Amino acid sequence: MTEQQPPPVPPGFGPPPPQYAPSAPDAPEFLAVDKHSSVVVDASGVAFDMYDIVVDFTWPEIRSVHYRASPDGKALMVAVVHVDGRVYEAVVNAKPRELLRGWFAQLARVLGYYRPAG
């Protein structure tokens, strides 16, 4: 009996690019947590958890992600701009305050990985 070759995989079908593969072992992740809130950025997108209300944004529905320090310099403020123009924001307190600098460095690296063009 002859062995049959599997049919070729049509273009557009196959594993997702590395930045969208949820199980990529080397995919970077960002996590900022305080007593009441958290921000997670990973292969699936951005998630906010504020007082037990969780909002998940997948990369295809995110237009952009912005972040900055709060006016008093004690918290990380992260905003997600949805493709329809709506803006969602989360605030995570940084205690000690030095933690904020580390979050900025890590968040810049993770966002650069998933959203290199913006």
C-alpha atoms as a PDB file:
ATOM      1  CA  MET A   1       0.000   0.000   0.000  1.00  0.00           C
ATOM      2  CA  THR A   2       1.309   3.474  -0.768  1.00  0.00           C
ATOM      3  CA  GLU A   3       1.459   6.187   1.823  1.00  0.00           C
ATOM      4  CA  GLN A   4      -0.568   9.275   1.104  1.00  0.00           C
ATOM      5  CA  GLN A   5       0.864  12.677   1.864  1.00  0.00           C
ATOM      6  CA  PRO A   6      -1.302  14.943   4.004  1.00  0.00           C
ATOM      7  CA  PRO A   7      -2.890  17.765   2.031  1.00  0.00           C
ATOM      8  CA  PRO A   8      -0.952  21.059   2.158  1.00  0.00           C
ATOM      9  CA  VAL A   9      -2.085  23.599   4.702  1.00  0.00           C
ATOM     10  CA  PRO A  10      -3.876  26.490   2.958  1.00  0.00           C
ATOM     11  CA  PRO A  11      -2.397  29.968   3.473  1.00  0.00           C
ATOM     12  CA  GLY A  12      -3.757  31.682   6.555  1.00  0.00           C
ATOM     13  CA  PHE A  13      -4.211  28.421   8.417  1.00  0.00           C
ATOM     14  CA  GLY A  14      -1.643  27.240  10.874  1.00  0.00           C
ATOM     15  CA  PRO A  15      -0.131  28.406  14.111  1.00  0.00           C
ATOM     16  CA  PRO A  16      -0.540  32.062  15.016  1.00  0.00           C
ATOM     17  CA  PRO A  17       2.456  34.388  14.854  1.00  0.00           C
ATOM     18  CA  PRO A  18       4.588  34.208  18.025  1.00  0.00           C
ATOM     19  CA  GLN A  19       3.210  37.434  19.479  1.00  0.00           C
ATOM     20  CA  TYR A  20      -0.328  36.008  19.400  1.00  0.00           C
ATOM     21  CA  ALA A  21       0.449  32.453  20.474  1.00  0.00           C
ATOM     22  CA  PRO A  22      -0.999  32.124  23.981  1.00  0.00           C
ATOM     23  CA  SER A  23       1.219  29.207  24.907  1.00  0.00           C
ATOM     24  CA  ALA A  24       4.513  30.660  23.704  1.00  0.00           C
ATOM     25  CA  PRO A  25       6.925  29.812  26.540  1.00  0.00           C
ATOM     26  CA  ASP A  26       9.171  32.833  25.945  1.00  0.00           C
ATOM     27  CA  ALA A  27       6.356  35.354  25.456  1.00  0.00           C
ATOM     28  CA  PRO A  28       6.827  38.204  27.945  1.00  0.00           C
ATOM     29  CA  GLU A  29       4.162  39.138  30.445  1.00  0.00           C
ATOM     30  CA  PHE A  30       3.530  42.195  32.590  1.00  0.00           C
ATOM     31  CA  LEU A  31       1.728  42.205  35.916  1.00  0.00           C
ATOM     32  CA  ALA A  32       1.131  45.156  38.229  1.00  0.00           C
ATOM     33  CA  VAL A  33      -0.919  44.511  41.359  1.00  0.00           C
ATOM     34  CA  ASP A  34      -2.033  46.446  44.393  1.00  0.00           C
ATOM     35  CA  LYS A  35      -4.622  45.837  47.110  1.00  0.00           C
ATOM     36  CA  HIS A  36      -7.630  46.532  44.841  1.00  0.00           C
ATOM     37  CA  SER A  37      -6.467  46.556  41.212  1.00  0.00           C
ATOM     38  CA  SER A  38      -4.268  44.819  38.682  1.00  0.00           C
ATOM     39  CA  VAL A  39      -3.108  45.202  35.101  1.00  0.00           C
ATOM     40  CA  VAL A  40      -1.975  42.199  33.055  1.00  0.00           C
ATOM     41  CA  VAL A  41      -0.437  42.383  29.577  1.00  0.00           C
ATOM     42  CA  ASP A  42       0.322  39.084  27.876  1.00  0.00           C
ATOM     43  CA  ALA A  43      -0.062  37.159  24.627  1.00  0.00           C
ATOM     44  CA  SER A  44      -3.857  37.331  24.790  1.00  0.00           C
ATOM     45  CA  GLY A  45      -4.088  41.098  25.320  1.00  0.00           C
ATOM     46  CA  VAL A  46      -4.626  43.453  28.256  1.00  0.00           C
ATOM     47  CA  ALA A  47      -6.738  42.750  31.342  1.00  0.00           C
ATOM     48  CA  PHE A  48      -7.836  45.146  34.069  1.00  0.00           C
ATOM     49  CA  ASP A  49      -9.121  43.932  37.444  1.00  0.00           C
ATOM     50  CA  MET A  50     -10.498  46.708  39.622  1.00  0.00           C
ATOM     51  CA  TYR A  51     -12.334  45.852  42.809  1.00  0.00           C
ATOM     52  CA  ASP A  52     -13.153  42.379  41.423  1.00  0.00           C
ATOM     53  CA  ILE A  53     -14.491  43.715  38.115  1.00  0.00           C
ATOM     54  CA  VAL A  54     -12.457  42.154  35.320  1.00  0.00           C
ATOM     55  CA  VAL A  55     -12.271  43.571  31.801  1.00  0.00           C
ATOM     56  CA  ASP A  56     -10.319  41.718  29.104  1.00  0.00           C
ATOM     57  CA  PHE A  57      -9.187  43.274  25.829  1.00  0.00           C
ATOM     58  CA  THR A  58      -7.779  41.034  23.096  1.00  0.00           C
ATOM     59  CA  TRP A  59      -5.082  42.423  20.808  1.00  0.00           C
ATOM     60  CA  PRO A  60      -7.363  42.589  17.732  1.00  0.00           C
ATOM     61  CA  GLU A  61      -9.771  44.921  19.579  1.00  0.00           C
ATOM     62  CA  ILE A  62      -7.057  47.245  20.953  1.00  0.00           C
ATOM     63  CA  ARG A  63      -6.137  50.343  18.956  1.00  0.00           C
ATOM     64  CA  SER A  64      -3.411  51.442  21.392  1.00  0.00           C
ATOM     65  CA  VAL A  65      -2.175  51.199  24.978  1.00  0.00           C
ATOM     66  CA  HIS A  66      -0.868  54.204  26.906  1.00  0.00           C
ATOM     67  CA  TYR A  67       0.643  54.476  30.365  1.00  0.00           C
ATOM     68  CA  ARG A  68       2.034  57.114  32.700  1.00  0.00           C
ATOM     69  CA  ALA A  69       2.585  57.878  36.353  1.00  0.00           C
ATOM     70  CA  SER A  70      -0.248  59.423  38.323  1.00  0.00           C
ATOM     71  CA  PRO A  71       0.131  63.154  39.063  1.00  0.00           C
ATOM     72  CA  ASP A  72       1.438  62.383  42.562  1.00  0.00           C
ATOM     73  CA  GLY A  73       3.884  59.774  41.221  1.00  0.00           C
ATOM     74  CA  LYS A  74       2.493  57.008  43.402  1.00  0.00           C
ATOM     75  CA  ALA A  75       0.548  54.949  40.848  1.00  0.00           C
ATOM     76  CA  LEU A  76       0.690  53.488  37.367  1.00  0.00           C
ATOM     77  CA  MET A  77      -2.096  54.627  35.070  1.00  0.00           C
ATOM     78  CA  VAL A  78      -2.770  52.403  32.033  1.00  0.00           C
ATOM     79  CA  ALA A  79      -5.267  53.255  29.304  1.00  0.00           C
ATOM     80  CA  VAL A  80      -6.535  50.999  26.532  1.00  0.00           C
ATOM     81  CA  VAL A  81      -8.007  52.680  23.456  1.00  0.00           C
ATOM     82  CA  HIS A  82     -10.536  50.315  21.895  1.00  0.00           C
ATOM     83  CA  VAL A  83     -10.856  50.115  18.100  1.00  0.00           C
ATOM     84  CA  ASP A  84     -14.205  51.906  18.361  1.00  0.00           C
ATOM     85  CA  GLY A  85     -12.542  54.855  20.110  1.00  0.00           C
ATOM     86  CA  ARG A  86     -13.660  54.199  23.674  1.00  0.00           C
ATOM     87  CA  VAL A  87     -10.966  54.576  26.347  1.00  0.00           C
ATOM     88  CA  TYR A  88     -10.667  52.365  29.430  1.00  0.00           C
ATOM     89  CA  GLU A  89      -8.290  53.131  32.272  1.00  0.00           C
ATOM     90  CA  ALA A  90      -6.914  51.319  35.294  1.00  0.00           C
ATOM     91  CA  VAL A  91      -4.816  52.659  38.146  1.00  0.00           C
ATOM     92  CA  VAL A  92      -2.480  50.502  40.230  1.00  0.00           C
ATOM     93  CA  ASN A  93      -0.749  51.948  43.304  1.00  0.00           C
ATOM     94  CA  ALA A  94       3.003  51.407  43.524  1.00  0.00           C
ATOM     95  CA  LYS A  95       4.221  50.739  47.067  1.00  0.00           C
ATOM     96  CA  PRO A  96       7.078  51.286  47.419  1.00  0.00           C
ATOM     97  CA  ARG A  97       7.311  54.116  44.926  1.00  0.00           C
ATOM     98  CA  GLU A  98      10.486  52.621  43.360  1.00  0.00           C
ATOM     99  CA  LEU A  99       8.285  49.820  42.055  1.00  0.00           C
ATOM    100  CA  LEU A 100       6.830  52.273  39.522  1.00  0.00           C
ATOM    101  CA  ARG A 101      10.172  52.646  37.700  1.00  0.00           C
ATOM    102  CA  GLY A 102      10.449  48.873  37.370  1.00  0.00           C
ATOM    103  CA  TRP A 103       6.903  48.659  36.056  1.00  0.00           C
ATOM    104  CA  PHE A 104       7.640  51.306  33.419  1.00  0.00           C
ATOM    105  CA  ALA A 105      10.681  49.423  32.147  1.00  0.00           C
ATOM    106  CA  GLN A 106       8.896  46.075  32.063  1.00  0.00           C
ATOM    107  CA  LEU A 107       5.697  47.465  30.533  1.00  0.00           C
ATOM    108  CA  ALA A 108       7.641  49.231  27.768  1.00  0.00           C
ATOM    109  CA  ARG A 109       9.409  45.972  26.885  1.00  0.00           C
ATOM    110  CA  VAL A 110       6.216  43.872  26.894  1.00  0.00           C
ATOM    111  CA  LEU A 111       4.189  46.382  24.872  1.00  0.00           C
ATOM    112  CA  GLY A 112       7.068  46.703  22.419  1.00  0.00           C
ATOM    113  CA  TYR A 113       6.955  42.937  21.934  1.00  0.00           C
ATOM    114  CA  TYR A 114       3.208  42.732  21.252  1.00  0.00           C
ATOM    115  CA  ARG A 115       2.681  46.143  19.637  1.00  0.00           C
ATOM    116  CA  PRO A 116       5.982  47.102  17.999  1.00  0.00           C
ATOM    117  CA  ALA A 117       4.355  49.727  15.763  1.00  0.00           C
ATOM    118  CA  GLY A 118       2.343  51.415  18.494  1.00  0.00           C
END
